[in-house]
Amino acid sequence: MKKIRVPQVKAGRFLLWWGRFRFMFGHAMFYVSVVNMGLLAATAYNTTIRDWALEYFGIQLTFWAFLLIMFSLIVVGFIVEYVISVPALIAISNQQMYAHQSPIVEDFDDVKRKLNLVMKKLEIEDTEVDREKKEK
């Protein structure tokens, strides 16, 4: 597989401003999403779900019961994200860093090379970390 070298862009004033804006906007969207979801849930309950549950299932669904169901679904979603999605995203991110010659990987390789030179000079053959790796 051919590796593509992506040139690094030096961040000028505009790019730094834009990056800060995107960073803060992305983090603020969590709060906007919570408010938006609450408003959408209230609207869906009042316009559709309450009547639908009564007509098709014969259930008089109170608003608090509806909110409890919604909250439970959110908790299930968090658990799925934590158990499945986050580890998968970290794994693919690590794979992409090595596949596309990330400067971080190059720096890490340089640090490892220098550490090996220091260990040779100090005549250190094995470290505690190496022994723990071998035991696993």
C-alpha atoms as a PDB file:
ATOM      1  CA  MET A   1       0.000   0.000   0.000  1.00  0.00           C
ATOM      2  CA  LYS A   2       1.398   3.359  -1.016  1.00  0.00           C
ATOM      3  CA  LYS A   3       1.681   5.864   1.810  1.00  0.00           C
ATOM      4  CA  ILE A   4       0.603   9.413   1.167  1.00  0.00           C
ATOM      5  CA  ARG A   5       2.627  12.205   2.728  1.00  0.00           C
ATOM      6  CA  VAL A   6       0.356  15.062   3.781  1.00  0.00           C
ATOM      7  CA  PRO A   7       2.169  18.392   4.115  1.00  0.00           C
ATOM      8  CA  GLN A   8       1.689  20.195   7.422  1.00  0.00           C
ATOM      9  CA  VAL A   9       0.017  23.605   7.208  1.00  0.00           C
ATOM     10  CA  LYS A  10       1.497  26.370   9.328  1.00  0.00           C
ATOM     11  CA  ALA A  11      -1.334  27.873  11.346  1.00  0.00           C
ATOM     12  CA  GLY A  12      -1.676  31.560  10.622  1.00  0.00           C
ATOM     13  CA  ARG A  13      -3.882  34.011  12.445  1.00  0.00           C
ATOM     14  CA  PHE A  14      -7.044  33.072  10.561  1.00  0.00           C
ATOM     15  CA  LEU A  15      -6.502  29.326  10.980  1.00  0.00           C
ATOM     16  CA  LEU A  16      -5.933  29.716  14.712  1.00  0.00           C
ATOM     17  CA  TRP A  17      -9.104  31.803  15.025  1.00  0.00           C
ATOM     18  CA  TRP A  18     -11.079  29.310  12.941  1.00  0.00           C
ATOM     19  CA  GLY A  19      -9.713  26.372  14.949  1.00  0.00           C
ATOM     20  CA  ARG A  20     -10.633  28.024  18.244  1.00  0.00           C
ATOM     21  CA  PHE A  21     -14.131  28.766  16.968  1.00  0.00           C
ATOM     22  CA  ARG A  22     -14.665  25.180  15.762  1.00  0.00           C
ATOM     23  CA  PHE A  23     -13.261  23.773  19.003  1.00  0.00           C
ATOM     24  CA  MET A  24     -15.545  25.869  21.224  1.00  0.00           C
ATOM     25  CA  PHE A  25     -18.548  25.483  18.924  1.00  0.00           C
ATOM     26  CA  GLY A  26     -18.151  21.702  18.946  1.00  0.00           C
ATOM     27  CA  HIS A  27     -18.044  21.562  22.725  1.00  0.00           C
ATOM     28  CA  ALA A  28     -20.964  23.976  23.124  1.00  0.00           C
ATOM     29  CA  MET A  29     -23.133  21.838  20.811  1.00  0.00           C
ATOM     30  CA  PHE A  30     -23.549  19.296  23.591  1.00  0.00           C
ATOM     31  CA  TYR A  31     -25.621  21.798  25.580  1.00  0.00           C
ATOM     32  CA  VAL A  32     -27.557  22.942  22.541  1.00  0.00           C
ATOM     33  CA  SER A  33     -28.338  19.310  21.711  1.00  0.00           C
ATOM     34  CA  VAL A  34     -29.651  18.632  25.224  1.00  0.00           C
ATOM     35  CA  VAL A  35     -32.034  21.603  25.017  1.00  0.00           C
ATOM     36  CA  ASN A  36     -33.038  20.689  21.459  1.00  0.00           C
ATOM     37  CA  MET A  37     -33.738  17.078  22.383  1.00  0.00           C
ATOM     38  CA  GLY A  38     -35.871  18.158  25.330  1.00  0.00           C
ATOM     39  CA  LEU A  39     -37.938  20.454  23.150  1.00  0.00           C
ATOM     40  CA  LEU A  40     -38.317  17.818  20.437  1.00  0.00           C
ATOM     41  CA  ALA A  41     -39.334  15.182  22.982  1.00  0.00           C
ATOM     42  CA  ALA A  42     -42.007  17.461  24.456  1.00  0.00           C
ATOM     43  CA  THR A  43     -43.330  18.267  20.987  1.00  0.00           C
ATOM     44  CA  ALA A  44     -43.340  14.620  19.901  1.00  0.00           C
ATOM     45  CA  TYR A  45     -45.128  13.603  23.086  1.00  0.00           C
ATOM     46  CA  ASN A  46     -47.841  16.252  22.792  1.00  0.00           C
ATOM     47  CA  THR A  47     -48.461  15.897  19.060  1.00  0.00           C
ATOM     48  CA  THR A  48     -48.000  12.194  18.364  1.00  0.00           C
ATOM     49  CA  ILE A  49     -46.780   9.719  20.951  1.00  0.00           C
ATOM     50  CA  ARG A  50     -49.430  10.251  23.656  1.00  0.00           C
ATOM     51  CA  ASP A  51     -52.317   9.700  21.221  1.00  0.00           C
ATOM     52  CA  TRP A  52     -50.540   6.858  19.407  1.00  0.00           C
ATOM     53  CA  ALA A  53     -49.865   4.927  22.640  1.00  0.00           C
ATOM     54  CA  LEU A  54     -53.484   5.345  23.721  1.00  0.00           C
ATOM     55  CA  GLU A  55     -54.998   4.407  20.344  1.00  0.00           C
ATOM     56  CA  TYR A  56     -52.842   1.380  19.427  1.00  0.00           C
ATOM     57  CA  PHE A  57     -51.811   0.000  22.828  1.00  0.00           C
ATOM     58  CA  GLY A  58     -54.477   1.343  25.140  1.00  0.00           C
ATOM     59  CA  ILE A  59     -51.786   2.881  27.350  1.00  0.00           C
ATOM     60  CA  GLN A  60     -52.266   6.271  28.939  1.00  0.00           C
ATOM     61  CA  LEU A  61     -48.618   7.326  28.793  1.00  0.00           C
ATOM     62  CA  THR A  62     -47.863  10.178  31.166  1.00  0.00           C
ATOM     63  CA  PHE A  63     -45.250  12.740  30.272  1.00  0.00           C
ATOM     64  CA  TRP A  64     -42.994  11.612  33.132  1.00  0.00           C
ATOM     65  CA  ALA A  65     -43.188   7.987  31.998  1.00  0.00           C
ATOM     66  CA  PHE A  66     -42.302   9.144  28.502  1.00  0.00           C
ATOM     67  CA  LEU A  67     -39.289  11.075  29.861  1.00  0.00           C
ATOM     68  CA  LEU A  68     -38.192   8.014  31.851  1.00  0.00           C
ATOM     69  CA  ILE A  69     -38.306   5.898  28.677  1.00  0.00           C
ATOM     70  CA  MET A  70     -36.334   8.543  26.770  1.00  0.00           C
ATOM     71  CA  PHE A  71     -33.753   8.783  29.563  1.00  0.00           C
ATOM     72  CA  SER A  72     -33.403   4.978  29.606  1.00  0.00           C
ATOM     73  CA  LEU A  73     -32.793   4.947  25.855  1.00  0.00           C
ATOM     74  CA  ILE A  74     -30.115   7.624  26.279  1.00  0.00           C
ATOM     75  CA  VAL A  75     -28.384   5.571  28.989  1.00  0.00           C
ATOM     76  CA  VAL A  76     -28.415   2.511  26.708  1.00  0.00           C
ATOM     77  CA  GLY A  77     -26.928   4.676  23.951  1.00  0.00           C
ATOM     78  CA  PHE A  78     -24.151   5.857  26.295  1.00  0.00           C
ATOM     79  CA  ILE A  79     -23.331   2.274  27.240  1.00  0.00           C
ATOM     80  CA  VAL A  80     -23.166   1.217  23.576  1.00  0.00           C
ATOM     81  CA  GLU A  81     -20.908   4.188  22.801  1.00  0.00           C
ATOM     82  CA  TYR A  82     -18.600   3.423  25.722  1.00  0.00           C
ATOM     83  CA  VAL A  83     -18.366  -0.321  25.088  1.00  0.00           C
ATOM     84  CA  ILE A  84     -18.313  -0.421  21.266  1.00  0.00           C
ATOM     85  CA  SER A  85     -17.866   2.926  19.527  1.00  0.00           C
ATOM     86  CA  VAL A  86     -15.119   4.592  21.569  1.00  0.00           C
ATOM     87  CA  PRO A  87     -12.720   1.608  21.425  1.00  0.00           C
ATOM     88  CA  ALA A  88     -13.408   1.265  17.687  1.00  0.00           C
ATOM     89  CA  LEU A  89     -12.707   4.972  17.080  1.00  0.00           C
ATOM     90  CA  ILE A  90      -9.479   4.815  19.074  1.00  0.00           C
ATOM     91  CA  ALA A  91      -8.362   1.710  17.166  1.00  0.00           C
ATOM     92  CA  ILE A  92      -9.034   3.239  13.747  1.00  0.00           C
ATOM     93  CA  SER A  93      -7.403   6.508  14.798  1.00  0.00           C
ATOM     94  CA  ASN A  94      -4.251   4.658  15.816  1.00  0.00           C
ATOM     95  CA  GLN A  95      -4.288   2.678  12.582  1.00  0.00           C
ATOM     96  CA  GLN A  96      -4.668   5.859  10.526  1.00  0.00           C
ATOM     97  CA  MET A  97      -1.801   7.558  12.370  1.00  0.00           C
ATOM     98  CA  TYR A  98       0.563   4.741  11.399  1.00  0.00           C
ATOM     99  CA  ALA A  99      -0.820   4.297   7.889  1.00  0.00           C
ATOM    100  CA  HIS A 100      -0.459   7.957   6.930  1.00  0.00           C
ATOM    101  CA  GLN A 101       2.900   8.789   8.501  1.00  0.00           C
ATOM    102  CA  SER A 102       1.672  11.034  11.285  1.00  0.00           C
ATOM    103  CA  PRO A 103       4.313  13.442  12.638  1.00  0.00           C
ATOM    104  CA  ILE A 104       3.461  12.159  16.123  1.00  0.00           C
ATOM    105  CA  VAL A 105       4.428   8.625  15.109  1.00  0.00           C
ATOM    106  CA  GLU A 106       7.654   9.886  13.560  1.00  0.00           C
ATOM    107  CA  ASP A 107       8.464  11.825  16.748  1.00  0.00           C
ATOM    108  CA  PHE A 108       7.688   8.774  18.867  1.00  0.00           C
ATOM    109  CA  ASP A 109       9.960   6.596  16.736  1.00  0.00           C
ATOM    110  CA  ASP A 110      12.701   9.203  17.111  1.00  0.00           C
ATOM    111  CA  VAL A 111      12.273   9.216  20.903  1.00  0.00           C
ATOM    112  CA  LYS A 112      12.412   5.399  20.990  1.00  0.00           C
ATOM    113  CA  ARG A 113      15.599   5.411  18.918  1.00  0.00           C
ATOM    114  CA  LYS A 114      17.230   7.975  21.228  1.00  0.00           C
ATOM    115  CA  LEU A 115      16.109   6.052  24.320  1.00  0.00           C
ATOM    116  CA  ASN A 116      17.703   2.888  22.944  1.00  0.00           C
ATOM    117  CA  LEU A 117      20.962   4.787  22.417  1.00  0.00           C
ATOM    118  CA  VAL A 118      20.886   6.083  26.002  1.00  0.00           C
ATOM    119  CA  MET A 119      20.121   2.598  27.323  1.00  0.00           C
ATOM    120  CA  LYS A 120      23.061   1.160  25.359  1.00  0.00           C
ATOM    121  CA  LYS A 121      25.369   3.875  26.639  1.00  0.00           C
ATOM    122  CA  LEU A 122      24.281   3.242  30.232  1.00  0.00           C
ATOM    123  CA  GLU A 123      24.480  -0.506  29.605  1.00  0.00           C
ATOM    124  CA  ILE A 124      20.856  -1.081  30.525  1.00  0.00           C
ATOM    125  CA  GLU A 125      19.561  -4.189  28.795  1.00  0.00           C
ATOM    126  CA  ASP A 126      16.162  -4.732  30.306  1.00  0.00           C
ATOM    127  CA  THR A 127      13.700  -2.408  31.999  1.00  0.00           C
ATOM    128  CA  GLU A 128      10.755  -3.036  34.243  1.00  0.00           C
ATOM    129  CA  VAL A 129       8.407  -2.125  31.397  1.00  0.00           C
ATOM    130  CA  ASP A 130      10.052  -4.616  29.040  1.00  0.00           C
ATOM    131  CA  ARG A 131       9.748  -7.389  31.634  1.00  0.00           C
ATOM    132  CA  GLU A 132       6.051  -6.619  32.138  1.00  0.00           C
ATOM    133  CA  LYS A 133       5.452  -6.732  28.373  1.00  0.00           C
ATOM    134  CA  LYS A 134       7.200 -10.100  28.091  1.00  0.00           C
ATOM    135  CA  GLU A 135       5.102 -11.547  30.933  1.00  0.00           C
ATOM    136  CA  LYS A 136       1.865 -10.663  29.145  1.00  0.00           C
END
